[in-house]
Amino acid sequence: MKKRLFRSLLMLGFVMFYGLTQAQSVSGTVSDANGPLPGATIIVKGTTNGTTTDFDGKYSINVDDFENKLLVFSSIGYKTISVKLTSENLEVDITLQEDLLNLDEVIITGTSGI
């Protein structure tokens, strides 16, 4: 009876530990020279796992495994930045720099009030 209880508790502990080590949340703020940058895209390179920044430039993304993972930060009109993840950098704040050379044209659409 005691062995069965011990095995059950051991198995429960293993399952809980395995679940905790699988996905961790990385968060931070994306900004430019003028302050927070809303709508910037953050993607875990090589996956479809991604998110965008909120109005205050803040983001949070779950990453399954930190080994050899890169977070790719991008936004229209800015240079793309990649950051290698480690278990120590669970908060990554990035400042994107303008990339005016790659911005060829801007199209503005609208409707008239007529």
C-alpha atoms as a PDB file:
ATOM      1  CA  MET A   1       0.000   0.000   0.000  1.00  0.00           C
ATOM      2  CA  LYS A   2       2.806   2.407   0.911  1.00  0.00           C
ATOM      3  CA  LYS A   3       4.711   1.556  -2.287  1.00  0.00           C
ATOM      4  CA  ARG A   4       1.620   2.245  -4.372  1.00  0.00           C
ATOM      5  CA  LEU A   5       1.064   5.616  -2.692  1.00  0.00           C
ATOM      6  CA  PHE A   6       4.754   6.499  -3.134  1.00  0.00           C
ATOM      7  CA  ARG A   7       4.655   5.583  -6.822  1.00  0.00           C
ATOM      8  CA  SER A   8       1.479   7.606  -7.336  1.00  0.00           C
ATOM      9  CA  LEU A   9       2.987  10.664  -5.663  1.00  0.00           C
ATOM     10  CA  LEU A  10       6.208  10.224  -7.624  1.00  0.00           C
ATOM     11  CA  MET A  11       4.283  10.034 -10.898  1.00  0.00           C
ATOM     12  CA  LEU A  12       2.210  13.108  -9.991  1.00  0.00           C
ATOM     13  CA  GLY A  13       5.392  15.052  -9.173  1.00  0.00           C
ATOM     14  CA  PHE A  14       6.954  14.031 -12.479  1.00  0.00           C
ATOM     15  CA  VAL A  15       3.883  15.131 -14.455  1.00  0.00           C
ATOM     16  CA  MET A  16       3.765  18.484 -12.657  1.00  0.00           C
ATOM     17  CA  PHE A  17       7.504  19.080 -13.188  1.00  0.00           C
ATOM     18  CA  TYR A  18       7.251  18.138 -16.866  1.00  0.00           C
ATOM     19  CA  GLY A  19       4.345  20.565 -17.354  1.00  0.00           C
ATOM     20  CA  LEU A  20       6.232  23.424 -15.717  1.00  0.00           C
ATOM     21  CA  THR A  21       9.335  22.945 -17.847  1.00  0.00           C
ATOM     22  CA  GLN A  22       7.526  22.854 -21.175  1.00  0.00           C
ATOM     23  CA  ALA A  23       6.315  26.400 -21.822  1.00  0.00           C
ATOM     24  CA  GLN A  24       7.582  29.589 -20.281  1.00  0.00           C
ATOM     25  CA  SER A  25       6.379  33.093 -20.910  1.00  0.00           C
ATOM     26  CA  VAL A  26       8.697  35.748 -22.310  1.00  0.00           C
ATOM     27  CA  SER A  27       7.500  39.338 -22.030  1.00  0.00           C
ATOM     28  CA  GLY A  28       8.771  42.854 -22.465  1.00  0.00           C
ATOM     29  CA  THR A  29       8.321  46.123 -24.305  1.00  0.00           C
ATOM     30  CA  VAL A  30       9.059  47.115 -27.896  1.00  0.00           C
ATOM     31  CA  SER A  31       9.776  50.789 -28.514  1.00  0.00           C
ATOM     32  CA  ASP A  32      11.400  53.160 -30.977  1.00  0.00           C
ATOM     33  CA  ALA A  33      13.204  56.464 -30.463  1.00  0.00           C
ATOM     34  CA  ASN A  34       9.869  58.169 -29.654  1.00  0.00           C
ATOM     35  CA  GLY A  35       8.538  55.663 -27.101  1.00  0.00           C
ATOM     36  CA  PRO A  36       6.378  52.510 -27.067  1.00  0.00           C
ATOM     37  CA  LEU A  37       5.655  50.899 -30.444  1.00  0.00           C
ATOM     38  CA  PRO A  38       2.146  49.429 -30.751  1.00  0.00           C
ATOM     39  CA  GLY A  39       1.491  46.763 -33.391  1.00  0.00           C
ATOM     40  CA  ALA A  40       5.043  45.388 -33.630  1.00  0.00           C
ATOM     41  CA  THR A  41       5.264  41.671 -34.429  1.00  0.00           C
ATOM     42  CA  ILE A  42       7.146  39.130 -32.332  1.00  0.00           C
ATOM     43  CA  ILE A  43       7.630  35.591 -33.709  1.00  0.00           C
ATOM     44  CA  VAL A  44       9.549  32.560 -32.450  1.00  0.00           C
ATOM     45  CA  LYS A  45      11.764  31.875 -35.483  1.00  0.00           C
ATOM     46  CA  GLY A  46      10.959  28.653 -37.309  1.00  0.00           C
ATOM     47  CA  THR A  47       7.476  28.362 -35.777  1.00  0.00           C
ATOM     48  CA  THR A  48       4.021  29.839 -36.261  1.00  0.00           C
ATOM     49  CA  ASN A  49       4.054  31.043 -32.659  1.00  0.00           C
ATOM     50  CA  GLY A  50       3.764  34.821 -32.620  1.00  0.00           C
ATOM     51  CA  THR A  51       2.110  37.859 -31.089  1.00  0.00           C
ATOM     52  CA  THR A  52       1.877  41.635 -31.461  1.00  0.00           C
ATOM     53  CA  THR A  53       2.479  44.467 -29.042  1.00  0.00           C
ATOM     54  CA  ASP A  54      -0.430  46.244 -27.404  1.00  0.00           C
ATOM     55  CA  PHE A  55      -1.051  50.018 -27.321  1.00  0.00           C
ATOM     56  CA  ASP A  56       1.719  50.462 -24.724  1.00  0.00           C
ATOM     57  CA  GLY A  57       4.253  48.401 -26.732  1.00  0.00           C
ATOM     58  CA  LYS A  58       4.010  45.457 -24.300  1.00  0.00           C
ATOM     59  CA  TYR A  59       3.942  41.805 -25.346  1.00  0.00           C
ATOM     60  CA  SER A  60       3.935  38.314 -23.855  1.00  0.00           C
ATOM     61  CA  ILE A  61       4.631  35.066 -25.714  1.00  0.00           C
ATOM     62  CA  ASN A  62       4.889  31.433 -24.589  1.00  0.00           C
ATOM     63  CA  VAL A  63       8.010  29.570 -25.688  1.00  0.00           C
ATOM     64  CA  ASP A  64       8.205  25.780 -25.380  1.00  0.00           C
ATOM     65  CA  ASP A  65      11.953  25.243 -25.341  1.00  0.00           C
ATOM     66  CA  PHE A  66      14.657  27.878 -24.991  1.00  0.00           C
ATOM     67  CA  GLU A  67      17.423  25.842 -26.672  1.00  0.00           C
ATOM     68  CA  ASN A  68      18.504  27.587 -29.890  1.00  0.00           C
ATOM     69  CA  LYS A  69      15.305  29.681 -30.091  1.00  0.00           C
ATOM     70  CA  LEU A  70      15.273  33.171 -31.524  1.00  0.00           C
ATOM     71  CA  LEU A  71      12.645  35.858 -31.030  1.00  0.00           C
ATOM     72  CA  VAL A  72      12.257  37.984 -34.160  1.00  0.00           C
ATOM     73  CA  PHE A  73      10.984  41.554 -33.643  1.00  0.00           C
ATOM     74  CA  SER A  74       9.682  43.482 -36.666  1.00  0.00           C
ATOM     75  CA  SER A  75       7.451  46.343 -37.691  1.00  0.00           C
ATOM     76  CA  ILE A  76       6.846  48.167 -40.980  1.00  0.00           C
ATOM     77  CA  GLY A  77       9.462  50.875 -41.490  1.00  0.00           C
ATOM     78  CA  TYR A  78      11.844  49.430 -38.863  1.00  0.00           C
ATOM     79  CA  LYS A  79      14.862  47.120 -38.988  1.00  0.00           C
ATOM     80  CA  THR A  80      14.169  43.542 -37.901  1.00  0.00           C
ATOM     81  CA  ILE A  81      16.000  42.370 -34.762  1.00  0.00           C
ATOM     82  CA  SER A  82      16.563  38.762 -33.615  1.00  0.00           C
ATOM     83  CA  VAL A  83      17.328  37.893 -29.982  1.00  0.00           C
ATOM     84  CA  LYS A  84      18.599  34.484 -28.827  1.00  0.00           C
ATOM     85  CA  LEU A  85      16.645  33.197 -25.835  1.00  0.00           C
ATOM     86  CA  THR A  86      18.149  31.757 -22.681  1.00  0.00           C
ATOM     87  CA  SER A  87      16.522  30.745 -19.435  1.00  0.00           C
ATOM     88  CA  GLU A  88      17.847  33.987 -17.890  1.00  0.00           C
ATOM     89  CA  ASN A  89      16.181  36.438 -20.282  1.00  0.00           C
ATOM     90  CA  LEU A  90      12.487  35.979 -19.580  1.00  0.00           C
ATOM     91  CA  GLU A  91      12.014  39.729 -20.045  1.00  0.00           C
ATOM     92  CA  VAL A  92      13.264  41.168 -23.332  1.00  0.00           C
ATOM     93  CA  ASP A  93      12.928  44.901 -24.019  1.00  0.00           C
ATOM     94  CA  ILE A  94      13.799  45.991 -27.568  1.00  0.00           C
ATOM     95  CA  THR A  95      14.241  49.358 -29.278  1.00  0.00           C
ATOM     96  CA  LEU A  96      13.694  49.152 -33.038  1.00  0.00           C
ATOM     97  CA  GLN A  97      15.538  51.518 -35.361  1.00  0.00           C
ATOM     98  CA  GLU A  98      13.900  53.133 -38.386  1.00  0.00           C
ATOM     99  CA  ASP A  99      14.734  51.587 -41.758  1.00  0.00           C
ATOM    100  CA  LEU A 100      13.907  54.331 -44.241  1.00  0.00           C
ATOM    101  CA  LEU A 101      15.873  52.695 -47.082  1.00  0.00           C
ATOM    102  CA  ASN A 102      13.402  49.799 -47.378  1.00  0.00           C
ATOM    103  CA  LEU A 103      10.314  52.004 -47.255  1.00  0.00           C
ATOM    104  CA  ASP A 104       9.678  52.728 -50.957  1.00  0.00           C
ATOM    105  CA  GLU A 105       6.172  54.125 -50.890  1.00  0.00           C
ATOM    106  CA  VAL A 106       3.213  54.708 -48.629  1.00  0.00           C
ATOM    107  CA  ILE A 107      -0.355  54.371 -49.835  1.00  0.00           C
ATOM    108  CA  ILE A 108      -3.109  56.165 -47.946  1.00  0.00           C
ATOM    109  CA  THR A 109      -6.718  55.223 -48.581  1.00  0.00           C
ATOM    110  CA  GLY A 110      -9.802  56.887 -47.279  1.00  0.00           C
ATOM    111  CA  THR A 111     -13.372  57.838 -48.010  1.00  0.00           C
ATOM    112  CA  SER A 112     -14.894  61.209 -48.517  1.00  0.00           C
ATOM    113  CA  GLY A 113     -17.712  62.423 -46.378  1.00  0.00           C
ATOM    114  CA  ILE A 114     -19.981  63.026 -49.384  1.00  0.00           C
END
